[in-house]
């Protein structure tokens, strides 16, 4: 494996870093209380990756086993305990644990602990996951056909 072709062609570098303070309000909060922070989106990383902080309350919740065809997904637990399905079994991941799921890998996650938990979700390449996250609350208002199209559009295939 080698480095990819250069994307920056300048000689002296540029001022282009972005900073998001920890106390920035979440970009999305679900009715059940889960807060999602869009740390880096595909749009802000030139499609290279997406990084989101997922803060779950004590109530059980999270996606059942599924897979993606075009993106990999990784989980890094920050606080609490998150059950992560690794394609074979549910594993209780704790702070500092990291799980990587390549394209096509079956996975899911749930907070079944009864206590708050948080983690980083990383997608590569940087697909527009924000539309998926923001569309989830409307699933109950969709027809079966609309729901199926939504999942295909957002590269999510349920088992």
N, C-alpha and C. Protein backbone atom coordinates (compact mmCIF):
# COMPACT_ATOMS: atom_id res chain seq x y z
N UNK A 1 0.85 -1.17 0.00
CA UNK A 1 0.00 0.00 0.00
C UNK A 1 0.89 1.23 0.00
N UNK A 2 0.51 2.22 -0.77
CA UNK A 2 1.29 3.46 -0.82
C UNK A 2 0.37 4.64 -0.55
N UNK A 3 0.97 5.79 -0.43
CA UNK A 3 0.19 7.01 -0.25
C UNK A 3 -0.62 7.29 -1.51
N UNK A 4 -1.82 7.87 -1.35
CA UNK A 4 -2.58 8.26 -2.54
C UNK A 4 -1.91 9.43 -3.26
N UNK A 5 -2.38 9.70 -4.46
CA UNK A 5 -1.86 10.84 -5.21
C UNK A 5 -2.14 12.13 -4.43
N UNK A 6 -1.23 13.10 -4.51
CA UNK A 6 -1.44 14.37 -3.80
C UNK A 6 -2.74 15.05 -4.23
N UNK A 7 -3.42 15.62 -3.25
CA UNK A 7 -4.64 16.38 -3.53
C UNK A 7 -4.37 17.87 -3.40
N UNK A 8 -3.38 18.20 -2.60
CA UNK A 8 -2.99 19.60 -2.44
C UNK A 8 -1.73 19.81 -3.26
N UNK A 9 -1.75 20.82 -4.11
CA UNK A 9 -0.61 21.06 -5.01
C UNK A 9 0.18 22.32 -4.68
N UNK A 10 -0.22 23.00 -3.61
CA UNK A 10 0.49 24.23 -3.25
C UNK A 10 1.88 23.95 -2.70
N UNK A 11 2.63 25.03 -2.47
CA UNK A 11 4.00 24.90 -1.99
C UNK A 11 4.16 25.19 -0.50
N UNK A 12 3.28 26.02 0.05
CA UNK A 12 3.50 26.52 1.40
C UNK A 12 2.42 26.12 2.41
N UNK A 13 1.54 25.24 2.04
CA UNK A 13 0.45 24.88 2.93
C UNK A 13 -0.60 25.98 2.97
N UNK A 14 -1.65 25.75 3.71
CA UNK A 14 -2.72 26.74 3.81
C UNK A 14 -3.39 26.67 5.17
N UNK A 15 -4.05 27.73 5.54
CA UNK A 15 -4.80 27.76 6.78
C UNK A 15 -6.19 27.22 6.45
N UNK A 16 -6.48 26.00 6.90
CA UNK A 16 -7.76 25.38 6.52
C UNK A 16 -8.33 24.46 7.59
N UNK A 17 -7.74 24.44 8.77
CA UNK A 17 -8.24 23.57 9.84
C UNK A 17 -9.60 24.05 10.32
N UNK A 18 -10.39 23.13 10.84
CA UNK A 18 -11.66 23.50 11.46
C UNK A 18 -11.63 23.05 12.91
N UNK A 19 -12.30 23.81 13.76
CA UNK A 19 -12.32 23.53 15.19
C UNK A 19 -13.78 23.49 15.62
N UNK A 20 -14.14 22.49 16.38
CA UNK A 20 -15.50 22.39 16.94
C UNK A 20 -15.35 22.20 18.44
N UNK A 21 -15.59 23.22 19.24
CA UNK A 21 -15.46 23.10 20.69
C UNK A 21 -16.39 22.03 21.25
N UNK A 22 -15.97 21.39 22.32
CA UNK A 22 -16.73 20.32 22.94
C UNK A 22 -18.14 20.77 23.36
N UNK A 23 -18.29 22.03 23.73
CA UNK A 23 -19.60 22.50 24.20
C UNK A 23 -20.54 22.94 23.08
N UNK A 24 -20.19 22.66 21.82
CA UNK A 24 -21.08 22.97 20.70
C UNK A 24 -22.35 22.14 20.84
N UNK A 25 -23.50 22.77 20.62
CA UNK A 25 -24.78 22.06 20.74
C UNK A 25 -24.88 20.98 19.67
N UNK A 26 -25.61 19.88 19.98
CA UNK A 26 -25.77 18.81 18.99
C UNK A 26 -26.46 19.32 17.73
N UNK A 27 -26.16 18.71 16.61
CA UNK A 27 -26.80 19.06 15.35
C UNK A 27 -28.18 18.42 15.24
N UNK A 28 -28.39 17.34 15.98
CA UNK A 28 -29.64 16.60 15.90
C UNK A 28 -29.90 15.96 17.26
N UNK A 29 -31.14 16.07 17.75
CA UNK A 29 -31.53 15.38 18.98
C UNK A 29 -32.84 14.65 18.71
N UNK A 30 -32.84 13.35 18.95
CA UNK A 30 -34.03 12.53 18.74
C UNK A 30 -34.98 12.66 19.92
N UNK A 31 -36.24 12.32 19.70
CA UNK A 31 -37.26 12.41 20.75
C UNK A 31 -36.88 11.59 21.98
N UNK A 32 -36.22 10.45 21.79
CA UNK A 32 -35.82 9.59 22.91
C UNK A 32 -34.61 10.15 23.65
N UNK A 33 -34.01 11.23 23.14
CA UNK A 33 -32.92 11.90 23.83
C UNK A 33 -31.54 11.71 23.25
N UNK A 34 -31.35 10.81 22.29
CA UNK A 34 -30.04 10.64 21.68
C UNK A 34 -29.65 11.92 20.96
N UNK A 35 -28.44 12.39 21.21
CA UNK A 35 -27.93 13.61 20.57
C UNK A 35 -26.81 13.21 19.61
N UNK A 36 -26.82 13.84 18.44
CA UNK A 36 -25.83 13.54 17.41
C UNK A 36 -25.08 14.82 17.06
N UNK A 37 -23.77 14.75 17.12
CA UNK A 37 -22.90 15.87 16.75
C UNK A 37 -22.24 15.53 15.42
N UNK A 38 -22.40 16.40 14.44
CA UNK A 38 -21.76 16.22 13.14
C UNK A 38 -20.35 16.81 13.22
N UNK A 39 -19.40 16.03 13.65
CA UNK A 39 -18.04 16.52 13.82
C UNK A 39 -17.37 16.80 12.48
N UNK A 40 -17.53 15.87 11.56
CA UNK A 40 -16.98 16.03 10.20
C UNK A 40 -17.90 15.28 9.26
N UNK A 41 -18.37 15.94 8.24
CA UNK A 41 -19.27 15.30 7.28
C UNK A 41 -18.52 15.06 5.97
N UNK A 42 -19.11 14.25 5.12
CA UNK A 42 -18.51 14.04 3.81
C UNK A 42 -18.33 15.36 3.08
N UNK A 43 -19.27 16.28 3.28
CA UNK A 43 -19.18 17.59 2.62
C UNK A 43 -18.00 18.41 3.13
N UNK A 44 -17.65 18.26 4.41
CA UNK A 44 -16.55 19.05 4.96
C UNK A 44 -15.19 18.37 4.82
N UNK A 45 -15.18 17.08 4.43
CA UNK A 45 -13.92 16.35 4.27
C UNK A 45 -13.66 15.96 2.82
N UNK A 46 -14.31 16.65 1.90
CA UNK A 46 -14.17 16.32 0.47
C UNK A 46 -14.48 14.85 0.19
N UNK A 47 -15.46 14.32 0.92
CA UNK A 47 -15.91 12.96 0.70
C UNK A 47 -15.02 11.87 1.27
N UNK A 48 -14.00 12.25 2.01
CA UNK A 48 -13.06 11.25 2.52
C UNK A 48 -13.64 10.43 3.68
N UNK A 49 -14.35 11.07 4.60
CA UNK A 49 -14.92 10.36 5.74
C UNK A 49 -15.99 11.22 6.39
N UNK A 50 -16.74 10.61 7.28
CA UNK A 50 -17.68 11.30 8.14
C UNK A 50 -17.42 10.85 9.57
N UNK A 51 -17.49 11.78 10.53
CA UNK A 51 -17.26 11.46 11.94
C UNK A 51 -18.35 12.12 12.76
N UNK A 52 -19.01 11.32 13.59
CA UNK A 52 -20.15 11.78 14.37
C UNK A 52 -20.00 11.33 15.82
N UNK A 53 -20.36 12.21 16.77
CA UNK A 53 -20.42 11.81 18.17
C UNK A 53 -21.87 11.47 18.49
N UNK A 54 -22.08 10.28 18.97
CA UNK A 54 -23.40 9.74 19.23
C UNK A 54 -23.56 9.62 20.74
N UNK A 55 -24.45 10.43 21.34
CA UNK A 55 -24.64 10.45 22.79
C UNK A 55 -26.02 9.88 23.13
N UNK A 56 -26.02 8.71 23.73
CA UNK A 56 -27.27 8.01 24.03
C UNK A 56 -27.63 8.15 25.50
N UNK A 57 -28.92 8.33 25.76
CA UNK A 57 -29.40 8.36 27.12
C UNK A 57 -29.53 6.95 27.66
N UNK A 58 -30.10 6.79 28.85
CA UNK A 58 -30.18 5.48 29.48
C UNK A 58 -31.23 4.54 28.88
N UNK A 59 -32.14 5.07 28.06
CA UNK A 59 -33.19 4.22 27.49
C UNK A 59 -32.62 3.33 26.39
N UNK A 60 -33.08 2.08 26.32
CA UNK A 60 -32.58 1.17 25.28
C UNK A 60 -32.87 1.71 23.89
N UNK A 61 -31.97 1.45 22.96
CA UNK A 61 -32.19 1.86 21.59
C UNK A 61 -30.95 1.71 20.75
N UNK A 62 -31.17 1.68 19.44
CA UNK A 62 -30.09 1.56 18.47
C UNK A 62 -30.51 0.62 17.36
N UNK A 63 -29.77 0.62 16.26
CA UNK A 63 -30.16 -0.17 15.10
C UNK A 63 -29.87 -1.67 15.23
N UNK A 64 -30.79 -2.46 14.71
CA UNK A 64 -30.62 -3.91 14.62
C UNK A 64 -29.56 -4.24 13.57
N UNK A 65 -29.17 -5.51 13.45
CA UNK A 65 -28.16 -5.89 12.47
C UNK A 65 -28.53 -5.48 11.04
N UNK A 66 -27.52 -4.94 10.35
CA UNK A 66 -27.66 -4.47 8.97
C UNK A 66 -26.27 -4.40 8.35
N UNK A 67 -26.20 -4.00 7.09
CA UNK A 67 -24.91 -3.80 6.45
C UNK A 67 -25.02 -2.68 5.42
N UNK A 68 -23.86 -2.19 4.99
CA UNK A 68 -23.76 -1.16 3.96
C UNK A 68 -22.91 -1.72 2.83
N UNK A 69 -23.25 -1.38 1.61
CA UNK A 69 -22.50 -1.87 0.45
C UNK A 69 -21.37 -0.95 0.03
N UNK A 70 -21.47 0.34 0.37
CA UNK A 70 -20.50 1.30 -0.17
C UNK A 70 -19.65 2.00 0.88
N UNK A 71 -19.94 1.78 2.15
CA UNK A 71 -19.20 2.48 3.20
C UNK A 71 -18.79 1.51 4.30
N UNK A 72 -17.65 1.79 4.91
CA UNK A 72 -17.26 1.10 6.12
C UNK A 72 -17.71 1.95 7.30
N UNK A 73 -17.81 1.32 8.45
CA UNK A 73 -18.24 2.04 9.65
C UNK A 73 -17.39 1.57 10.82
N UNK A 74 -16.98 2.51 11.65
CA UNK A 74 -16.21 2.19 12.84
C UNK A 74 -16.85 2.84 14.05
N UNK A 75 -16.67 2.19 15.20
CA UNK A 75 -17.23 2.67 16.46
C UNK A 75 -16.11 2.76 17.48
N UNK A 76 -16.05 3.88 18.19
CA UNK A 76 -15.09 4.05 19.28
C UNK A 76 -15.88 4.52 20.50
N UNK A 77 -15.94 3.70 21.53
CA UNK A 77 -16.74 4.02 22.70
C UNK A 77 -16.00 5.02 23.58
N UNK A 78 -16.70 6.10 23.91
CA UNK A 78 -16.15 7.15 24.76
C UNK A 78 -16.54 6.97 26.22
N UNK A 79 -17.82 6.70 26.46
CA UNK A 79 -18.35 6.57 27.82
C UNK A 79 -19.41 5.49 27.86
N UNK A 80 -19.54 4.83 29.00
CA UNK A 80 -20.58 3.83 29.18
C UNK A 80 -20.27 2.53 28.46
N UNK A 81 -21.32 1.75 28.27
CA UNK A 81 -21.20 0.45 27.61
C UNK A 81 -22.18 0.41 26.45
N UNK A 82 -21.68 0.05 25.26
CA UNK A 82 -22.52 -0.05 24.07
C UNK A 82 -22.41 -1.48 23.55
N UNK A 83 -23.55 -2.12 23.37
CA UNK A 83 -23.56 -3.46 22.77
C UNK A 83 -23.41 -3.27 21.26
N UNK A 84 -22.39 -3.89 20.69
CA UNK A 84 -22.14 -3.79 19.24
C UNK A 84 -22.19 -5.19 18.65
N UNK A 85 -22.98 -5.35 17.62
CA UNK A 85 -23.08 -6.64 16.93
C UNK A 85 -21.96 -6.72 15.91
N UNK A 86 -21.13 -7.75 16.02
CA UNK A 86 -19.96 -7.88 15.15
C UNK A 86 -20.19 -8.85 13.99
N UNK A 87 -21.44 -9.20 13.74
CA UNK A 87 -21.78 -10.15 12.68
C UNK A 87 -21.97 -11.56 13.21
N UNK A 88 -21.48 -11.82 14.42
CA UNK A 88 -21.62 -13.13 15.04
C UNK A 88 -22.40 -13.06 16.35
N UNK A 89 -22.07 -12.02 17.14
CA UNK A 89 -22.67 -11.89 18.46
C UNK A 89 -22.64 -10.43 18.91
N UNK A 90 -23.42 -10.13 19.95
CA UNK A 90 -23.42 -8.82 20.57
C UNK A 90 -22.27 -8.77 21.57
N UNK A 91 -21.40 -7.79 21.43
CA UNK A 91 -20.24 -7.62 22.29
C UNK A 91 -20.42 -6.32 23.09
N UNK A 92 -20.23 -6.37 24.40
CA UNK A 92 -20.31 -5.16 25.21
C UNK A 92 -19.00 -4.39 25.07
N UNK A 93 -19.06 -3.28 24.36
CA UNK A 93 -17.88 -2.43 24.16
C UNK A 93 -17.87 -1.34 25.22
N UNK A 94 -16.70 -1.08 25.77
CA UNK A 94 -16.54 -0.11 26.85
C UNK A 94 -15.58 0.98 26.43
N UNK A 95 -15.43 2.04 27.24
CA UNK A 95 -14.56 3.15 26.85
C UNK A 95 -13.17 2.68 26.38
N UNK A 96 -12.80 3.17 25.22
CA UNK A 96 -11.52 2.81 24.62
C UNK A 96 -11.62 1.67 23.63
N UNK A 97 -12.74 0.93 23.62
CA UNK A 97 -12.92 -0.16 22.66
C UNK A 97 -13.27 0.42 21.29
N UNK A 98 -12.74 -0.23 20.26
CA UNK A 98 -12.95 0.21 18.88
C UNK A 98 -13.37 -0.99 18.05
N UNK A 99 -14.37 -0.79 17.21
CA UNK A 99 -14.85 -1.85 16.31
C UNK A 99 -14.88 -1.27 14.91
N UNK A 100 -14.28 -1.98 13.95
CA UNK A 100 -14.29 -1.55 12.55
C UNK A 100 -15.07 -2.58 11.74
N UNK A 101 -15.97 -2.09 10.88
CA UNK A 101 -16.79 -2.95 10.04
C UNK A 101 -16.58 -2.54 8.58
N UNK A 102 -15.92 -3.39 7.78
CA UNK A 102 -15.72 -3.07 6.36
C UNK A 102 -17.05 -3.09 5.59
N UNK A 103 -17.01 -2.60 4.38
CA UNK A 103 -18.18 -2.64 3.51
C UNK A 103 -18.72 -4.07 3.47
N UNK A 104 -20.04 -4.21 3.60
CA UNK A 104 -20.67 -5.52 3.58
C UNK A 104 -20.70 -6.22 4.92
N UNK A 105 -19.99 -5.69 5.92
CA UNK A 105 -19.94 -6.32 7.24
C UNK A 105 -21.24 -6.10 8.01
N UNK A 106 -21.75 -7.18 8.56
CA UNK A 106 -22.99 -7.11 9.34
C UNK A 106 -22.66 -6.51 10.71
N UNK A 107 -23.49 -5.56 11.14
CA UNK A 107 -23.26 -4.89 12.42
C UNK A 107 -24.54 -4.24 12.92
N UNK A 108 -24.54 -3.82 14.14
CA UNK A 108 -25.61 -3.06 14.77
C UNK A 108 -25.07 -2.55 16.09
N UNK A 109 -25.80 -1.67 16.74
CA UNK A 109 -25.39 -1.22 18.07
C UNK A 109 -26.61 -0.85 18.89
N UNK A 110 -26.50 -1.04 20.19
CA UNK A 110 -27.59 -0.71 21.10
C UNK A 110 -27.02 -0.30 22.45
N UNK A 111 -27.70 0.61 23.09
CA UNK A 111 -27.39 0.92 24.47
C UNK A 111 -28.42 0.19 25.32
N UNK A 112 -28.05 -0.96 25.83
CA UNK A 112 -28.93 -1.76 26.68
C UNK A 112 -28.53 -1.66 28.14
N UNK A 113 -27.59 -0.78 28.45
CA UNK A 113 -26.97 -0.76 29.78
C UNK A 113 -27.83 -0.12 30.86
N UNK A 114 -28.82 0.69 30.48
CA UNK A 114 -29.60 1.42 31.47
C UNK A 114 -28.93 2.69 31.96
N UNK A 115 -27.77 3.01 31.38
CA UNK A 115 -27.03 4.23 31.73
C UNK A 115 -26.64 4.96 30.44
N UNK A 116 -26.37 6.25 30.51
CA UNK A 116 -25.93 6.96 29.30
C UNK A 116 -24.65 6.36 28.74
N UNK A 117 -24.48 6.50 27.44
CA UNK A 117 -23.27 6.03 26.76
C UNK A 117 -23.03 6.93 25.56
N UNK A 118 -21.76 7.05 25.16
CA UNK A 118 -21.45 7.83 23.98
C UNK A 118 -20.33 7.17 23.20
N UNK A 119 -20.30 7.45 21.91
CA UNK A 119 -19.27 6.87 21.05
C UNK A 119 -19.09 7.75 19.82
N UNK A 120 -17.99 7.52 19.14
CA UNK A 120 -17.74 8.13 17.84
C UNK A 120 -18.11 7.12 16.78
N UNK A 121 -18.81 7.59 15.74
CA UNK A 121 -19.09 6.78 14.55
C UNK A 121 -18.29 7.38 13.41
N UNK A 122 -17.57 6.54 12.71
CA UNK A 122 -16.74 6.98 11.57
C UNK A 122 -17.18 6.21 10.34
N UNK A 123 -17.47 6.93 9.26
CA UNK A 123 -17.85 6.33 7.98
C UNK A 123 -16.81 6.70 6.94
N UNK A 124 -16.43 5.74 6.11
CA UNK A 124 -15.51 6.03 5.01
C UNK A 124 -15.95 5.22 3.79
N UNK A 125 -16.01 5.86 2.64
CA UNK A 125 -15.85 7.30 2.44
C UNK A 125 -17.00 8.08 3.07
N UNK A 126 -16.92 9.39 2.93
CA UNK A 126 -17.84 10.30 3.61
C UNK A 126 -19.19 10.44 2.92
N UNK A 127 -20.00 9.41 2.99
CA UNK A 127 -21.36 9.47 2.43
C UNK A 127 -22.19 10.48 3.23
N UNK A 128 -23.25 10.99 2.65
CA UNK A 128 -24.09 11.99 3.34
C UNK A 128 -25.01 11.36 4.38
N UNK A 129 -24.46 10.86 5.47
CA UNK A 129 -25.24 10.17 6.49
C UNK A 129 -26.22 11.10 7.22
N UNK A 130 -25.98 12.40 7.16
CA UNK A 130 -26.86 13.34 7.85
C UNK A 130 -28.31 13.17 7.37
N UNK A 131 -28.51 12.98 6.08
CA UNK A 131 -29.85 12.77 5.54
C UNK A 131 -30.51 11.52 6.10
N UNK A 132 -29.70 10.50 6.31
CA UNK A 132 -30.22 9.27 6.92
C UNK A 132 -30.62 9.54 8.37
N UNK A 133 -29.71 10.13 9.14
CA UNK A 133 -30.00 10.40 10.55
C UNK A 133 -31.25 11.28 10.70
N UNK A 134 -31.34 12.30 9.86
CA UNK A 134 -32.46 13.24 9.97
C UNK A 134 -33.77 12.65 9.46
N UNK A 135 -33.69 11.65 8.59
CA UNK A 135 -34.89 11.02 8.06
C UNK A 135 -35.48 9.94 8.95
N UNK A 136 -34.70 9.41 9.87
CA UNK A 136 -35.18 8.31 10.72
C UNK A 136 -36.47 8.61 11.47
N UNK A 137 -36.66 9.80 12.04
CA UNK A 137 -37.91 10.05 12.77
C UNK A 137 -39.16 9.98 11.89
N UNK A 138 -39.03 10.13 10.59
CA UNK A 138 -40.18 10.11 9.69
C UNK A 138 -40.52 8.72 9.18
N UNK A 139 -39.79 7.69 9.58
CA UNK A 139 -40.03 6.34 9.06
C UNK A 139 -41.47 5.89 9.27
N UNK A 140 -42.04 6.21 10.41
CA UNK A 140 -43.41 5.80 10.72
C UNK A 140 -44.45 6.46 9.84
N UNK A 141 -44.11 7.57 9.20
CA UNK A 141 -45.04 8.27 8.32
C UNK A 141 -44.90 7.82 6.87
N UNK A 142 -43.93 6.96 6.59
CA UNK A 142 -43.68 6.51 5.21
C UNK A 142 -44.47 5.26 4.88
N UNK A 143 -44.80 5.12 3.61
CA UNK A 143 -45.37 3.86 3.13
C UNK A 143 -44.26 2.82 3.11
N UNK A 144 -44.62 1.56 2.95
CA UNK A 144 -43.60 0.51 2.86
C UNK A 144 -42.65 0.77 1.70
N UNK A 145 -43.19 1.25 0.59
CA UNK A 145 -42.36 1.53 -0.60
C UNK A 145 -41.43 2.70 -0.34
N UNK A 146 -41.93 3.75 0.30
CA UNK A 146 -41.09 4.91 0.62
C UNK A 146 -39.97 4.53 1.59
N UNK A 147 -40.32 3.71 2.58
CA UNK A 147 -39.33 3.27 3.56
C UNK A 147 -38.25 2.43 2.89
N UNK A 148 -38.65 1.51 2.03
CA UNK A 148 -37.67 0.68 1.31
C UNK A 148 -36.75 1.54 0.45
N UNK A 149 -37.31 2.54 -0.23
CA UNK A 149 -36.50 3.45 -1.07
C UNK A 149 -35.55 4.28 -0.21
N UNK A 150 -36.02 4.71 0.96
CA UNK A 150 -35.18 5.48 1.88
C UNK A 150 -33.94 4.68 2.27
N UNK A 151 -34.15 3.42 2.63
CA UNK A 151 -33.01 2.59 3.05
C UNK A 151 -32.05 2.32 1.90
N UNK A 152 -32.58 2.08 0.72
CA UNK A 152 -31.70 1.87 -0.44
C UNK A 152 -30.91 3.14 -0.73
N UNK A 153 -31.58 4.30 -0.71
CA UNK A 153 -30.91 5.58 -0.96
C UNK A 153 -29.76 5.79 0.03
N UNK A 154 -29.95 5.33 1.26
CA UNK A 154 -28.95 5.56 2.30
C UNK A 154 -28.11 4.31 2.60
N UNK A 155 -28.05 3.38 1.63
CA UNK A 155 -27.13 2.24 1.70
C UNK A 155 -27.24 1.48 3.02
N UNK A 156 -28.49 1.19 3.42
CA UNK A 156 -28.73 0.45 4.65
C UNK A 156 -29.60 -0.74 4.33
N UNK A 157 -29.07 -1.95 4.57
CA UNK A 157 -29.75 -3.19 4.22
C UNK A 157 -29.92 -4.03 5.48
N UNK A 158 -31.18 -4.20 5.89
CA UNK A 158 -31.51 -4.89 7.14
C UNK A 158 -31.54 -6.39 6.94
N UNK A 159 -31.20 -7.13 7.97
CA UNK A 159 -31.26 -8.60 7.92
C UNK A 159 -32.60 -9.08 8.45
